[in-house]
């Protein structure tokens, strides 16, 4: 089964200047495309954008909830390579046999020609 690793980066807060980007929306889109293209060249695939709450301190005892927009990317992990099985060495056949009595051979009636039908 394919496994992935994930990377979460903050979305750009401001647009970047570009000759082709005239409006604030164009500059923001350009900044976003720069981040996405850089990570795409590194092999990361864009999954989604999320806005998540984060509780942060504001003062000594006070906390406020701040929302952050993040971009989620993933890329496939290399599949583990199973170790190759080492084939067993071929078995060698030998004509050697332990010494002892030879097997007894019995004659059947078919061998004698005395078989009756």
N, C-alpha and C. Protein backbone atom coordinates (compact mmCIF):
# COMPACT_ATOMS: atom_id res chain seq x y z
N UNK A 1 0.84 -1.17 0.00
CA UNK A 1 0.00 0.00 0.00
C UNK A 1 0.89 1.24 0.00
N UNK A 2 0.53 2.20 -0.80
CA UNK A 2 1.31 3.44 -0.91
C UNK A 2 1.18 4.26 0.36
N UNK A 3 2.31 4.77 0.86
CA UNK A 3 2.32 5.64 2.03
C UNK A 3 2.81 7.02 1.62
N UNK A 4 2.38 8.04 2.37
CA UNK A 4 2.71 9.42 2.05
C UNK A 4 3.31 10.12 3.26
N UNK A 5 4.08 11.16 2.99
CA UNK A 5 4.50 12.08 4.03
C UNK A 5 3.84 13.41 3.70
N UNK A 6 3.55 14.19 4.74
CA UNK A 6 2.81 15.44 4.55
C UNK A 6 3.64 16.62 5.01
N UNK A 7 3.39 17.75 4.38
CA UNK A 7 4.05 19.00 4.75
C UNK A 7 2.99 20.09 4.79
N UNK A 8 2.98 20.84 5.89
CA UNK A 8 2.02 21.92 6.07
C UNK A 8 2.80 23.22 6.16
N UNK A 9 2.46 24.18 5.30
CA UNK A 9 3.15 25.48 5.29
C UNK A 9 2.10 26.58 5.41
N UNK A 10 2.47 27.70 6.05
CA UNK A 10 1.52 28.80 6.13
C UNK A 10 1.28 29.42 4.75
N UNK A 11 0.05 29.78 4.49
CA UNK A 11 -0.27 30.45 3.23
C UNK A 11 0.31 31.86 3.28
N UNK A 12 0.66 32.42 2.14
CA UNK A 12 1.20 33.78 2.14
C UNK A 12 0.17 34.77 2.72
N UNK A 13 0.68 35.76 3.46
CA UNK A 13 -0.20 36.77 4.05
C UNK A 13 -0.38 37.96 3.11
N UNK A 14 0.62 38.19 2.25
CA UNK A 14 0.59 39.34 1.34
C UNK A 14 0.98 38.89 -0.06
N UNK A 15 0.61 39.70 -1.00
CA UNK A 15 0.99 39.44 -2.38
C UNK A 15 2.42 39.86 -2.65
N UNK A 16 2.98 39.35 -3.74
CA UNK A 16 4.34 39.72 -4.17
C UNK A 16 4.24 40.55 -5.44
N UNK A 17 5.16 41.46 -5.58
CA UNK A 17 5.16 42.31 -6.78
C UNK A 17 5.60 41.51 -8.00
N UNK A 18 4.94 41.80 -9.10
CA UNK A 18 5.26 41.17 -10.37
C UNK A 18 4.83 42.13 -11.47
N UNK A 19 5.54 42.08 -12.59
CA UNK A 19 5.17 42.96 -13.70
C UNK A 19 3.77 42.67 -14.21
N UNK A 20 3.39 41.40 -14.20
CA UNK A 20 2.09 41.01 -14.74
C UNK A 20 0.95 41.18 -13.74
N UNK A 21 1.28 41.27 -12.45
CA UNK A 21 0.24 41.37 -11.42
C UNK A 21 -0.08 42.84 -11.17
N UNK A 22 -1.28 43.25 -11.57
CA UNK A 22 -1.67 44.66 -11.46
C UNK A 22 -2.52 44.92 -10.21
N UNK A 23 -3.41 43.99 -9.88
CA UNK A 23 -4.32 44.20 -8.75
C UNK A 23 -3.81 43.46 -7.52
N UNK A 24 -4.30 43.81 -6.32
CA UNK A 24 -3.92 43.07 -5.11
C UNK A 24 -4.24 41.57 -5.21
N UNK A 25 -5.36 41.23 -5.83
CA UNK A 25 -5.71 39.81 -6.00
C UNK A 25 -4.70 39.11 -6.90
N UNK A 26 -4.24 39.78 -7.96
CA UNK A 26 -3.23 39.20 -8.85
C UNK A 26 -1.91 38.99 -8.11
N UNK A 27 -1.52 39.98 -7.28
CA UNK A 27 -0.26 39.86 -6.53
C UNK A 27 -0.34 38.73 -5.51
N UNK A 28 -1.51 38.57 -4.87
CA UNK A 28 -1.68 37.48 -3.91
C UNK A 28 -1.63 36.13 -4.63
N UNK A 29 -2.30 36.03 -5.77
CA UNK A 29 -2.29 34.78 -6.55
C UNK A 29 -0.87 34.46 -7.00
N UNK A 30 -0.10 35.48 -7.36
CA UNK A 30 1.29 35.26 -7.77
C UNK A 30 2.11 34.72 -6.60
N UNK A 31 1.94 35.28 -5.40
CA UNK A 31 2.66 34.80 -4.22
C UNK A 31 2.29 33.36 -3.91
N UNK A 32 1.02 33.05 -4.01
CA UNK A 32 0.55 31.69 -3.75
C UNK A 32 1.11 30.71 -4.78
N UNK A 33 1.14 31.11 -6.04
CA UNK A 33 1.68 30.21 -7.08
C UNK A 33 3.18 30.01 -6.90
N UNK A 34 3.89 31.01 -6.40
CA UNK A 34 5.33 30.86 -6.15
C UNK A 34 5.57 29.76 -5.12
N UNK A 35 4.81 29.78 -4.02
CA UNK A 35 4.95 28.76 -2.97
C UNK A 35 4.60 27.39 -3.52
N UNK A 36 3.48 27.30 -4.23
CA UNK A 36 3.03 26.00 -4.74
C UNK A 36 3.98 25.44 -5.79
N UNK A 37 4.51 26.28 -6.67
CA UNK A 37 5.44 25.81 -7.70
C UNK A 37 6.77 25.37 -7.09
N UNK A 38 7.24 26.08 -6.06
CA UNK A 38 8.50 25.70 -5.41
C UNK A 38 8.37 24.31 -4.79
N UNK A 39 7.27 24.09 -4.06
CA UNK A 39 7.07 22.78 -3.44
C UNK A 39 6.78 21.70 -4.49
N UNK A 40 6.11 22.06 -5.57
CA UNK A 40 5.86 21.10 -6.65
C UNK A 40 7.15 20.61 -7.28
N UNK A 41 8.12 21.51 -7.44
CA UNK A 41 9.42 21.10 -8.00
C UNK A 41 10.16 20.15 -7.06
N UNK A 42 9.86 20.22 -5.77
CA UNK A 42 10.49 19.32 -4.79
C UNK A 42 9.74 18.00 -4.68
N UNK A 43 8.68 17.83 -5.48
CA UNK A 43 7.95 16.56 -5.49
C UNK A 43 6.71 16.55 -4.62
N UNK A 44 6.33 17.69 -4.04
CA UNK A 44 5.15 17.76 -3.19
C UNK A 44 3.90 18.02 -4.04
N UNK A 45 2.83 17.32 -3.71
CA UNK A 45 1.55 17.47 -4.40
C UNK A 45 0.58 18.23 -3.49
N UNK A 46 -0.05 19.28 -4.02
CA UNK A 46 -0.99 20.06 -3.22
C UNK A 46 -2.22 19.22 -2.91
N UNK A 47 -2.63 19.20 -1.63
CA UNK A 47 -3.80 18.44 -1.21
C UNK A 47 -4.97 19.37 -0.94
N UNK A 48 -4.76 20.37 -0.06
CA UNK A 48 -5.86 21.28 0.27
C UNK A 48 -5.33 22.48 1.05
N UNK A 49 -6.21 23.43 1.24
CA UNK A 49 -5.94 24.61 2.06
C UNK A 49 -6.93 24.59 3.22
N UNK A 50 -6.46 24.85 4.43
CA UNK A 50 -7.32 24.86 5.61
C UNK A 50 -7.09 26.12 6.41
N UNK A 51 -8.13 26.57 7.09
CA UNK A 51 -8.01 27.65 8.05
C UNK A 51 -8.27 27.04 9.42
N UNK A 52 -7.26 27.10 10.28
CA UNK A 52 -7.33 26.42 11.58
C UNK A 52 -7.18 27.42 12.72
N UNK A 53 -7.87 27.18 13.85
CA UNK A 53 -7.74 28.06 14.99
C UNK A 53 -6.47 27.74 15.78
N UNK A 54 -5.91 28.77 16.38
CA UNK A 54 -4.74 28.61 17.23
C UNK A 54 -4.92 29.53 18.43
N UNK A 55 -4.80 28.96 19.61
CA UNK A 55 -4.93 29.77 20.82
C UNK A 55 -3.57 30.35 21.16
N UNK A 56 -3.50 31.67 21.25
CA UNK A 56 -2.23 32.35 21.50
C UNK A 56 -2.37 33.30 22.67
N UNK A 57 -1.26 33.56 23.33
CA UNK A 57 -1.25 34.49 24.45
C UNK A 57 -1.31 35.92 23.94
N UNK A 58 -2.02 36.73 24.69
CA UNK A 58 -2.01 38.17 24.44
C UNK A 58 -1.98 38.85 25.82
N UNK A 59 -0.80 39.05 26.31
CA UNK A 59 -0.64 39.59 27.65
C UNK A 59 -0.23 38.49 28.61
N UNK A 60 -0.32 38.78 29.91
CA UNK A 60 0.14 37.82 30.92
C UNK A 60 -0.81 36.64 31.08
N UNK A 61 -2.08 36.90 31.26
CA UNK A 61 -3.01 35.81 31.55
C UNK A 61 -4.11 35.69 30.51
N UNK A 62 -4.01 36.43 29.48
CA UNK A 62 -5.07 36.46 28.49
C UNK A 62 -4.72 35.63 27.26
N UNK A 63 -5.71 34.98 26.70
CA UNK A 63 -5.51 34.18 25.49
C UNK A 63 -6.57 34.58 24.46
N UNK A 64 -6.15 34.57 23.21
CA UNK A 64 -7.08 34.85 22.12
C UNK A 64 -6.94 33.77 21.06
N UNK A 65 -7.98 33.59 20.31
CA UNK A 65 -7.96 32.61 19.23
C UNK A 65 -7.65 33.35 17.93
N UNK A 66 -6.60 32.88 17.28
CA UNK A 66 -6.18 33.44 16.00
C UNK A 66 -6.34 32.35 14.95
N UNK A 67 -6.78 32.71 13.77
CA UNK A 67 -6.97 31.73 12.70
C UNK A 67 -5.83 31.86 11.69
N UNK A 68 -5.27 30.70 11.33
CA UNK A 68 -4.16 30.65 10.36
C UNK A 68 -4.60 29.83 9.16
N UNK A 69 -4.27 30.31 7.99
CA UNK A 69 -4.53 29.54 6.77
C UNK A 69 -3.25 28.82 6.39
N UNK A 70 -3.37 27.50 6.20
CA UNK A 70 -2.21 26.68 5.87
C UNK A 70 -2.47 25.92 4.58
N UNK A 71 -1.39 25.57 3.91
CA UNK A 71 -1.45 24.77 2.68
C UNK A 71 -0.91 23.38 3.02
N UNK A 72 -1.63 22.35 2.63
CA UNK A 72 -1.23 20.97 2.93
C UNK A 72 -0.75 20.32 1.64
N UNK A 73 0.45 19.74 1.71
CA UNK A 73 1.06 19.04 0.57
C UNK A 73 1.40 17.63 1.00
N UNK A 74 1.52 16.74 0.03
CA UNK A 74 1.95 15.37 0.31
C UNK A 74 2.84 14.88 -0.81
N UNK A 75 3.65 13.88 -0.50
CA UNK A 75 4.41 13.18 -1.54
C UNK A 75 4.56 11.73 -1.12
N UNK A 76 4.64 10.89 -2.11
CA UNK A 76 4.70 9.44 -1.87
C UNK A 76 6.06 9.07 -1.31
N UNK A 77 6.02 8.18 -0.32
CA UNK A 77 7.25 7.62 0.21
C UNK A 77 7.66 6.46 -0.70
N UNK A 78 8.96 6.23 -0.83
CA UNK A 78 9.37 5.09 -1.66
C UNK A 78 8.87 3.78 -1.04
N UNK A 79 8.41 2.89 -1.89
CA UNK A 79 7.94 1.59 -1.41
C UNK A 79 9.12 0.79 -0.89
N UNK A 80 8.94 0.11 0.26
CA UNK A 80 10.04 -0.71 0.76
C UNK A 80 10.31 -1.87 -0.19
N UNK A 81 11.56 -2.11 -0.43
CA UNK A 81 11.95 -3.18 -1.34
C UNK A 81 12.14 -4.45 -0.51
N UNK A 82 11.40 -5.48 -0.86
CA UNK A 82 11.53 -6.75 -0.15
C UNK A 82 12.87 -7.37 -0.53
N UNK A 83 13.56 -7.92 0.46
CA UNK A 83 14.84 -8.54 0.13
C UNK A 83 14.63 -9.73 -0.81
N UNK A 84 15.46 -9.82 -1.79
CA UNK A 84 15.34 -10.90 -2.77
C UNK A 84 15.70 -12.22 -2.10
N UNK A 85 14.92 -13.23 -2.42
CA UNK A 85 15.21 -14.55 -1.86
C UNK A 85 16.44 -15.11 -2.53
N UNK A 86 17.32 -15.65 -1.72
CA UNK A 86 18.52 -16.28 -2.25
C UNK A 86 18.14 -17.71 -2.61
N UNK A 87 18.30 -18.07 -3.87
CA UNK A 87 17.91 -19.43 -4.24
C UNK A 87 18.81 -20.46 -3.55
N UNK A 88 18.20 -21.57 -3.19
CA UNK A 88 18.96 -22.64 -2.55
C UNK A 88 19.93 -23.23 -3.57
N UNK A 89 21.12 -23.62 -3.12
CA UNK A 89 22.06 -24.21 -4.07
C UNK A 89 21.47 -25.50 -4.64
N UNK A 90 21.76 -25.80 -5.89
CA UNK A 90 21.20 -27.02 -6.48
C UNK A 90 21.71 -28.26 -5.75
N UNK A 91 20.82 -29.23 -5.62
CA UNK A 91 21.20 -30.47 -4.95
C UNK A 91 21.98 -31.34 -5.93
N UNK A 92 23.00 -31.96 -5.42
CA UNK A 92 23.80 -32.84 -6.27
C UNK A 92 23.37 -34.28 -6.05
N UNK A 93 23.19 -34.97 -7.15
CA UNK A 93 22.85 -36.38 -7.07
C UNK A 93 24.13 -37.19 -7.17
N UNK A 94 24.22 -38.19 -6.32
CA UNK A 94 25.40 -39.06 -6.34
C UNK A 94 24.95 -40.50 -6.50
N UNK A 95 25.85 -41.33 -6.97
CA UNK A 95 25.55 -42.75 -7.16
C UNK A 95 25.97 -43.55 -5.94
N UNK A 96 26.43 -42.88 -4.94
CA UNK A 96 26.88 -43.60 -3.75
C UNK A 96 25.68 -44.03 -2.93
N UNK A 97 25.76 -45.25 -2.40
CA UNK A 97 24.72 -45.78 -1.54
C UNK A 97 25.40 -46.50 -0.39
N UNK A 98 24.78 -46.53 0.76
CA UNK A 98 25.42 -47.22 1.88
C UNK A 98 25.50 -48.72 1.58
N UNK A 99 26.55 -49.32 2.08
CA UNK A 99 26.72 -50.75 1.86
C UNK A 99 25.70 -51.51 2.69
N UNK A 100 25.29 -52.64 2.19
CA UNK A 100 24.32 -53.46 2.89
C UNK A 100 23.76 -54.49 1.92
N UNK A 101 22.68 -55.09 2.31
CA UNK A 101 22.07 -56.10 1.46
C UNK A 101 21.36 -55.43 0.29
N UNK A 102 21.46 -56.10 -0.84
CA UNK A 102 20.77 -55.61 -2.03
C UNK A 102 19.29 -55.92 -1.87
N UNK A 103 18.41 -55.13 -2.44
CA UNK A 103 16.98 -55.41 -2.30
C UNK A 103 16.65 -56.73 -2.99
N UNK A 104 15.70 -57.41 -2.46
CA UNK A 104 15.29 -58.70 -2.99
C UNK A 104 14.32 -58.47 -4.14
N UNK A 105 14.53 -59.18 -5.23
CA UNK A 105 13.68 -59.06 -6.40
C UNK A 105 12.76 -60.26 -6.42
N UNK A 106 11.49 -60.02 -6.56
CA UNK A 106 10.52 -61.11 -6.62
C UNK A 106 9.99 -61.22 -8.04
N UNK A 107 9.75 -62.40 -8.43
CA UNK A 107 9.18 -62.63 -9.75
C UNK A 107 7.68 -62.73 -9.62
N UNK A 108 6.99 -62.15 -10.57
CA UNK A 108 5.54 -62.24 -10.58
C UNK A 108 5.12 -63.27 -11.62
N UNK A 109 3.89 -63.79 -11.52
CA UNK A 109 3.45 -64.78 -12.51
C UNK A 109 3.49 -64.25 -13.94
N UNK A 110 3.34 -62.94 -14.16
CA UNK A 110 3.40 -62.39 -15.50
C UNK A 110 4.81 -62.56 -16.08
N UNK A 111 5.83 -62.49 -15.22
CA UNK A 111 7.20 -62.63 -15.69
C UNK A 111 7.48 -64.06 -16.16
N UNK A 112 6.85 -65.05 -15.51
CA UNK A 112 7.10 -66.46 -15.85
C UNK A 112 6.27 -66.92 -17.04
N UNK A 113 5.24 -66.21 -17.35
CA UNK A 113 4.35 -66.63 -18.42
C UNK A 113 3.35 -67.66 -17.95
N UNK A 114 3.23 -67.84 -16.64
CA UNK A 114 2.30 -68.83 -16.08
C UNK A 114 1.02 -68.19 -15.58
N UNK A 115 0.81 -66.96 -15.92
CA UNK A 115 -0.39 -66.28 -15.44
C UNK A 115 -1.60 -66.85 -16.16
N UNK A 116 -2.69 -67.02 -15.44
CA UNK A 116 -3.92 -67.54 -16.03
C UNK A 116 -4.93 -66.41 -16.15
N UNK A 117 -5.65 -66.46 -17.21
CA UNK A 117 -6.62 -65.41 -17.45
C UNK A 117 -7.99 -65.84 -17.11
